[in-house]
């Protein structure tokens, strides 16, 4: 019985003392502040990474579009029979001796589009190669790489193409620096 009363007295005495364990308001506020700071930092990193991914994707699309256009132009200009008309914004090629198949590359500065137009017989098909071009210039050179505007046989042999494309993503304008190429017309006499 003596042990029984001893424990009972200790429990009663313990109730009168304040408890020492558990979370209090200052600890809770510090934990909440650290958690909010962490969430704000993670959100900032996520938004920054998302914007970067969109901009990189935009550059990739512009580069893909430019490479595709340059590949098509190079292939078809090299295989053209003759250059029949030259202007810094328009090139017209003849593909056969009868003159029934013509290829035209045209830059429309108002819309920023570069088009490829095939005219076979009386039917014309138009394909848009690039959009968003802020500038494009065709240049014509002779066999010695001297600038010329003469399209007569034996004169214009090399076509130089240079363009600058822009694109907008999330309100930001991305610029692709100028693409340039010189293409030799293989079949031009």
Foldseek 3Di string as FASTA:
>chain_A
DVVVVVVVVVVVVVVVDDDDDDDDDVVVVVVVVVVVVVVVVVVVVVVVVVVVVQVVVVVVVQVVLVVQLVVVCQVVQQQFQFWDADDFFKTKTARDPVRQWIWMWGADQVFQWTWIWIGHRHDIDIDTSDGQWNDKTKWWAAPVRDTDRDRPARGTFKIKMKTKGWDDDPRDIDIDPIDIDIHGRNNRD
